[in-house]
Amino acid sequence: MIAEAERKVSVIFEEYHRLESQAQIFKMRFRSFLETQLKILEGEHEETPFEREEPAEEEESLD
């Protein structure tokens, strides 16, 4: 009975550490996302390769 309880505690403890690690990763990524969004709103972001491309001029038909 005690061995079973210790096994359950061990499983719960491992799950707790896994979730704690995932929460830390989420916090770092979310903070980075928010900082990027603030920079975009403030006009301080670096342009992406897609934003640097000139729009293609449409050829007009001379019919």
Protein backbone atom coordinates (compact mmCIF):
# COMPACT_ATOMS: atom_id res chain seq x y z
CA MET A 1 0.00 0.00 0.00
CA ILE A 2 2.80 2.44 0.88
CA ALA A 3 4.74 1.41 -2.23
CA GLU A 4 1.68 2.15 -4.40
CA ALA A 5 1.28 5.58 -2.76
CA GLU A 6 4.97 6.35 -3.33
CA ARG A 7 4.63 5.34 -6.98
CA LYS A 8 1.63 7.66 -7.39
CA VAL A 9 3.50 10.51 -5.71
CA SER A 10 6.43 9.93 -8.05
CA VAL A 11 4.16 10.02 -11.12
CA ILE A 12 2.44 13.18 -9.90
CA PHE A 13 5.80 14.80 -9.11
CA GLU A 14 7.09 14.04 -12.64
CA GLU A 15 3.90 15.45 -14.18
CA TYR A 16 4.22 18.57 -12.03
CA HIS A 17 7.77 19.20 -13.25
CA ARG A 18 6.77 18.60 -16.86
CA LEU A 19 3.92 21.10 -16.58
CA GLU A 20 6.13 23.60 -14.76
CA SER A 21 8.66 23.39 -17.59
CA GLN A 22 5.96 23.85 -20.23
CA ALA A 23 4.56 26.85 -18.37
CA GLN A 24 8.01 28.46 -18.28
CA ILE A 25 8.46 27.92 -22.02
CA PHE A 26 5.01 29.38 -22.69
CA LYS A 27 5.78 32.45 -20.58
CA MET A 28 9.03 33.11 -22.47
CA ARG A 29 7.40 32.69 -25.88
CA PHE A 30 4.35 34.76 -24.94
CA ARG A 31 6.54 37.57 -23.56
CA SER A 32 8.55 37.55 -26.79
CA PHE A 33 5.34 37.65 -28.82
CA LEU A 34 4.00 40.60 -26.82
CA GLU A 35 7.28 42.51 -27.11
CA THR A 36 7.22 42.01 -30.88
CA GLN A 37 3.63 43.19 -31.09
CA LEU A 38 4.50 46.33 -29.10
CA LYS A 39 7.43 47.06 -31.41
CA ILE A 40 5.17 46.68 -34.43
CA LEU A 41 2.62 49.06 -32.90
CA GLU A 42 5.39 51.56 -32.14
CA GLY A 43 6.78 51.23 -35.67
CA GLU A 44 10.12 49.85 -34.51
CA HIS A 45 9.99 46.39 -36.04
CA GLU A 46 12.36 45.15 -38.71
CA GLU A 47 10.71 44.46 -42.00
CA THR A 48 10.29 40.85 -42.97
CA PRO A 49 11.48 39.71 -46.41
CA PHE A 50 7.87 39.76 -47.57
CA GLU A 51 7.37 43.37 -46.49
CA ARG A 52 10.51 44.52 -48.34
CA GLU A 53 9.37 43.24 -51.71
CA GLU A 54 8.06 45.82 -54.12
CA PRO A 55 4.52 45.09 -55.26
CA ALA A 56 4.50 43.70 -58.77
CA GLU A 57 3.18 46.21 -61.27
CA GLU A 58 0.30 44.95 -63.28
CA GLU A 59 0.83 45.06 -67.00
CA GLU A 60 -1.84 46.97 -68.81
CA SER A 61 -3.20 45.61 -72.05
CA LEU A 62 -2.89 48.02 -74.93
CA ASP A 63 -5.71 46.55 -77.02
